[in-house]
N, C-alpha and C. Protein backbone atom coordinates (compact mmCIF):
# COMPACT_ATOMS: atom_id res chain seq x y z
N MET A 1 394.45 87.12 131.26
CA MET A 1 393.17 87.78 131.39
C MET A 1 393.31 88.94 132.38
N ARG A 2 392.72 90.04 132.05
CA ARG A 2 392.73 91.19 132.96
C ARG A 2 391.58 91.03 133.96
N LEU A 3 391.92 91.08 135.23
CA LEU A 3 390.93 90.89 136.29
C LEU A 3 390.57 92.23 136.92
N PRO A 4 389.36 92.37 137.43
CA PRO A 4 388.96 93.63 138.05
C PRO A 4 389.72 93.89 139.35
N ALA A 5 389.91 95.17 139.66
CA ALA A 5 390.58 95.54 140.90
C ALA A 5 389.70 95.27 142.11
N ALA A 6 388.39 95.40 141.93
CA ALA A 6 387.46 95.18 143.05
C ALA A 6 386.28 94.35 142.56
N ILE A 7 385.86 93.43 143.40
CA ILE A 7 384.65 92.64 143.16
C ILE A 7 383.85 92.72 144.46
N PRO A 8 382.63 93.21 144.40
CA PRO A 8 381.86 93.36 145.64
C PRO A 8 381.49 92.02 146.26
N ALA A 9 381.58 91.95 147.57
CA ALA A 9 381.15 90.74 148.29
C ALA A 9 379.67 90.52 148.02
N GLY A 10 379.32 89.27 147.82
CA GLY A 10 377.93 88.91 147.56
C GLY A 10 377.60 88.80 146.08
N ALA A 11 378.48 89.31 145.20
CA ALA A 11 378.24 89.21 143.77
C ALA A 11 378.25 87.74 143.35
N ARG A 12 377.36 87.35 142.45
CA ARG A 12 377.33 85.97 141.96
C ARG A 12 378.09 85.91 140.64
N LEU A 13 379.07 85.02 140.57
CA LEU A 13 379.97 84.93 139.43
C LEU A 13 380.09 83.50 138.94
N VAL A 14 380.52 83.38 137.67
CA VAL A 14 381.05 82.12 137.19
C VAL A 14 382.52 82.38 136.90
N VAL A 15 383.37 81.49 137.40
CA VAL A 15 384.82 81.61 137.24
C VAL A 15 385.30 80.34 136.56
N ARG A 16 386.00 80.50 135.44
CA ARG A 16 386.58 79.35 134.73
C ARG A 16 388.05 79.25 135.08
N ILE A 17 388.46 78.06 135.53
CA ILE A 17 389.82 77.78 135.96
C ILE A 17 390.47 76.81 134.96
N ALA A 18 391.71 77.12 134.55
CA ALA A 18 392.46 76.22 133.68
C ALA A 18 393.06 75.10 134.50
N LEU A 19 392.82 73.86 134.08
CA LEU A 19 393.37 72.69 134.75
C LEU A 19 394.61 72.16 134.05
N GLY A 20 394.91 72.67 132.86
CA GLY A 20 396.05 72.20 132.10
C GLY A 20 395.62 71.24 131.01
N PRO A 21 396.57 70.72 130.25
CA PRO A 21 396.23 69.82 129.15
C PRO A 21 395.82 68.43 129.64
N ASP A 22 394.90 67.83 128.92
CA ASP A 22 394.48 66.46 129.21
C ASP A 22 395.63 65.53 128.81
N PRO A 23 396.02 64.60 129.69
CA PRO A 23 397.14 63.73 129.36
C PRO A 23 396.87 62.79 128.18
N GLU A 24 395.59 62.50 127.91
CA GLU A 24 395.28 61.58 126.82
C GLU A 24 395.21 62.25 125.46
N ASP A 25 394.53 63.41 125.37
CA ASP A 25 394.36 64.03 124.06
C ASP A 25 395.08 65.36 123.90
N GLY A 26 395.68 65.88 124.98
CA GLY A 26 396.44 67.12 124.91
C GLY A 26 395.61 68.39 124.85
N ARG A 27 394.29 68.26 124.84
CA ARG A 27 393.44 69.46 124.79
C ARG A 27 393.36 70.10 126.16
N PRO A 28 393.24 71.44 126.20
CA PRO A 28 393.14 72.12 127.50
C PRO A 28 391.84 71.74 128.21
N LYS A 29 391.92 71.61 129.53
CA LYS A 29 390.76 71.27 130.35
C LYS A 29 390.49 72.41 131.33
N PHE A 30 389.20 72.60 131.65
CA PHE A 30 388.76 73.69 132.50
C PHE A 30 387.76 73.18 133.52
N ARG A 31 387.58 73.95 134.59
CA ARG A 31 386.52 73.69 135.58
C ARG A 31 385.85 75.03 135.88
N ASP A 32 384.53 75.02 135.92
CA ASP A 32 383.77 76.23 136.22
C ASP A 32 383.26 76.19 137.65
N TYR A 33 383.31 77.33 138.30
CA TYR A 33 382.80 77.51 139.65
C TYR A 33 381.77 78.62 139.61
N VAL A 34 380.58 78.35 140.13
CA VAL A 34 379.52 79.36 140.22
C VAL A 34 379.20 79.56 141.68
N GLY A 35 379.19 80.82 142.10
CA GLY A 35 378.88 81.09 143.49
C GLY A 35 378.97 82.56 143.82
N HIS A 36 378.93 82.86 145.11
CA HIS A 36 378.92 84.23 145.61
C HIS A 36 380.28 84.59 146.21
N VAL A 37 380.73 85.78 145.88
CA VAL A 37 382.03 86.27 146.35
C VAL A 37 381.98 86.51 147.85
N VAL A 38 382.99 85.99 148.53
CA VAL A 38 383.19 86.28 149.95
C VAL A 38 384.28 87.35 150.08
N ASP A 39 385.38 87.17 149.33
CA ASP A 39 386.50 88.13 149.40
C ASP A 39 387.32 88.05 148.12
N TRP A 40 387.86 89.19 147.69
CA TRP A 40 388.74 89.28 146.53
C TRP A 40 389.82 90.30 146.85
N ASN A 41 391.09 89.87 146.76
CA ASN A 41 392.18 90.81 147.04
C ASN A 41 393.07 91.06 145.82
N GLY A 42 392.63 90.61 144.65
CA GLY A 42 393.40 90.80 143.43
C GLY A 42 394.28 89.61 143.09
N ARG A 43 394.53 88.76 144.05
CA ARG A 43 395.36 87.56 143.82
C ARG A 43 394.61 86.26 144.10
N ARG A 44 393.62 86.33 145.00
CA ARG A 44 392.84 85.14 145.31
C ARG A 44 391.39 85.54 145.54
N LEU A 45 390.52 84.64 145.11
CA LEU A 45 389.09 84.85 145.24
C LEU A 45 388.53 83.77 146.14
N ILE A 46 387.83 84.17 147.18
CA ILE A 46 387.12 83.22 148.04
C ILE A 46 385.66 83.26 147.62
N LEU A 47 385.14 82.09 147.30
CA LEU A 47 383.82 81.97 146.72
C LEU A 47 383.01 80.94 147.48
N ASP A 48 381.78 81.27 147.82
CA ASP A 48 380.85 80.27 148.35
C ASP A 48 380.18 79.64 147.15
N ARG A 49 380.69 78.47 146.77
CA ARG A 49 380.22 77.78 145.57
C ARG A 49 378.80 77.28 145.78
N ASP A 50 377.95 77.49 144.79
CA ASP A 50 376.57 77.03 144.85
C ASP A 50 376.51 75.51 144.81
N PRO A 51 375.53 74.92 145.47
CA PRO A 51 375.33 73.47 145.31
C PRO A 51 374.84 73.19 143.89
N ALA A 52 375.08 71.99 143.41
CA ALA A 52 374.60 71.60 142.09
C ALA A 52 373.08 71.66 142.07
N ALA A 53 372.51 72.10 140.96
CA ALA A 53 371.06 72.23 140.85
C ALA A 53 370.35 70.89 140.98
N ASN A 54 371.04 69.81 140.59
CA ASN A 54 370.41 68.49 140.67
C ASN A 54 370.70 67.78 141.99
N GLY A 55 371.39 68.45 142.91
CA GLY A 55 371.67 67.87 144.21
C GLY A 55 372.86 66.94 144.26
N SER A 56 373.63 66.84 143.17
CA SER A 56 374.75 65.89 143.13
C SER A 56 375.99 66.38 143.87
N ARG A 57 376.06 67.70 144.17
CA ARG A 57 377.21 68.24 144.88
C ARG A 57 376.73 69.32 145.83
N PRO A 58 377.13 69.25 147.10
CA PRO A 58 376.73 70.30 148.05
C PRO A 58 377.51 71.58 147.80
N GLY A 59 377.02 72.68 148.36
CA GLY A 59 377.76 73.93 148.29
C GLY A 59 379.04 73.82 149.11
N GLU A 60 380.02 74.66 148.78
CA GLU A 60 381.28 74.63 149.52
C GLU A 60 381.98 75.97 149.37
N ARG A 61 382.89 76.26 150.27
CA ARG A 61 383.72 77.46 150.17
C ARG A 61 385.02 77.06 149.49
N VAL A 62 385.37 77.79 148.41
CA VAL A 62 386.59 77.49 147.66
C VAL A 62 387.45 78.74 147.55
N THR A 63 388.75 78.54 147.45
CA THR A 63 389.70 79.63 147.22
C THR A 63 390.33 79.39 145.85
N LEU A 64 390.21 80.38 144.98
CA LEU A 64 390.70 80.28 143.61
C LEU A 64 391.81 81.31 143.40
N GLN A 65 392.88 80.89 142.77
CA GLN A 65 394.03 81.77 142.53
C GLN A 65 393.85 82.51 141.21
N ALA A 66 394.20 83.80 141.19
CA ALA A 66 394.04 84.65 140.02
C ALA A 66 394.81 84.11 138.82
N GLU A 67 396.00 83.55 139.04
CA GLU A 67 396.81 83.08 137.90
C GLU A 67 396.19 81.89 137.19
N ASP A 68 395.23 81.19 137.83
CA ASP A 68 394.56 80.05 137.21
C ASP A 68 393.29 80.44 136.46
N MET A 69 392.80 81.68 136.66
CA MET A 69 391.53 82.12 136.07
C MET A 69 391.71 82.47 134.60
N VAL A 70 390.80 81.96 133.78
CA VAL A 70 390.81 82.30 132.36
C VAL A 70 389.55 83.05 131.95
N ALA A 71 388.50 83.03 132.78
CA ALA A 71 387.28 83.78 132.51
C ALA A 71 386.57 84.05 133.82
N LEU A 72 385.91 85.20 133.85
CA LEU A 72 385.18 85.63 135.05
C LEU A 72 384.03 86.49 134.57
N LYS A 73 382.80 86.14 134.95
CA LYS A 73 381.69 86.99 134.57
C LYS A 73 380.55 86.88 135.57
N PRO A 74 379.79 87.96 135.70
CA PRO A 74 378.63 87.91 136.61
C PRO A 74 377.52 87.08 136.00
N VAL A 75 376.76 86.41 136.86
CA VAL A 75 375.60 85.63 136.42
C VAL A 75 374.43 85.96 137.33
N PRO A 76 373.21 85.90 136.80
CA PRO A 76 372.04 86.19 137.64
C PRO A 76 371.79 85.08 138.65
N GLU A 77 371.03 85.42 139.66
CA GLU A 77 370.64 84.43 140.66
C GLU A 77 369.78 83.36 140.00
N ARG A 78 369.82 82.15 140.56
CA ARG A 78 368.95 81.08 140.07
C ARG A 78 367.51 81.47 140.33
N ARG A 79 366.66 81.09 139.41
CA ARG A 79 365.24 81.32 139.65
C ARG A 79 364.72 80.23 140.56
N SER A 80 363.97 80.63 141.56
CA SER A 80 363.39 79.63 142.45
C SER A 80 362.10 79.13 141.82
N PRO A 81 361.73 77.91 142.11
CA PRO A 81 360.48 77.39 141.54
C PRO A 81 359.30 78.23 142.01
N ARG A 82 358.35 78.39 141.14
CA ARG A 82 357.18 79.19 141.50
C ARG A 82 356.37 78.47 142.57
N PRO A 83 355.93 79.21 143.58
CA PRO A 83 355.08 78.57 144.59
C PRO A 83 353.71 78.26 143.98
N ASP A 84 353.05 77.28 144.56
CA ASP A 84 351.70 76.95 144.09
C ASP A 84 350.80 78.15 144.34
N PRO A 85 349.88 78.41 143.39
CA PRO A 85 348.96 79.53 143.62
C PRO A 85 348.04 79.23 144.80
N PRO A 86 347.60 80.26 145.47
CA PRO A 86 346.72 80.02 146.62
C PRO A 86 345.40 79.38 146.18
N ASP A 87 344.84 78.57 147.06
CA ASP A 87 343.56 77.91 146.79
C ASP A 87 342.44 78.88 147.08
N LEU A 88 341.79 79.35 146.02
CA LEU A 88 340.73 80.36 146.17
C LEU A 88 339.34 79.74 146.00
N SER A 89 339.22 78.44 146.14
CA SER A 89 337.95 77.75 145.89
C SER A 89 337.04 77.73 147.11
N ARG A 90 337.30 78.47 148.12
CA ARG A 90 336.46 78.47 149.33
C ARG A 90 335.17 79.18 149.15
């Protein structure tokens, strides 16, 4: 995969990493990381990984190697829940 020469810090990305073939069925396995770029030097990406939306995994800082990346694309920020409308019944 051809990777960009520059990725701006703060950009939100999804990065797919190849884990290799599954020992049981031989099919390729992948892991996706979604988060904000801290640093990119063309060989390694430091990412502040987002916490899981359902709370099952906290956020973390991860370092991903370029040779393991099979896909990289920008993703929009998560939508925050809408706040309750103000009480105008006074």
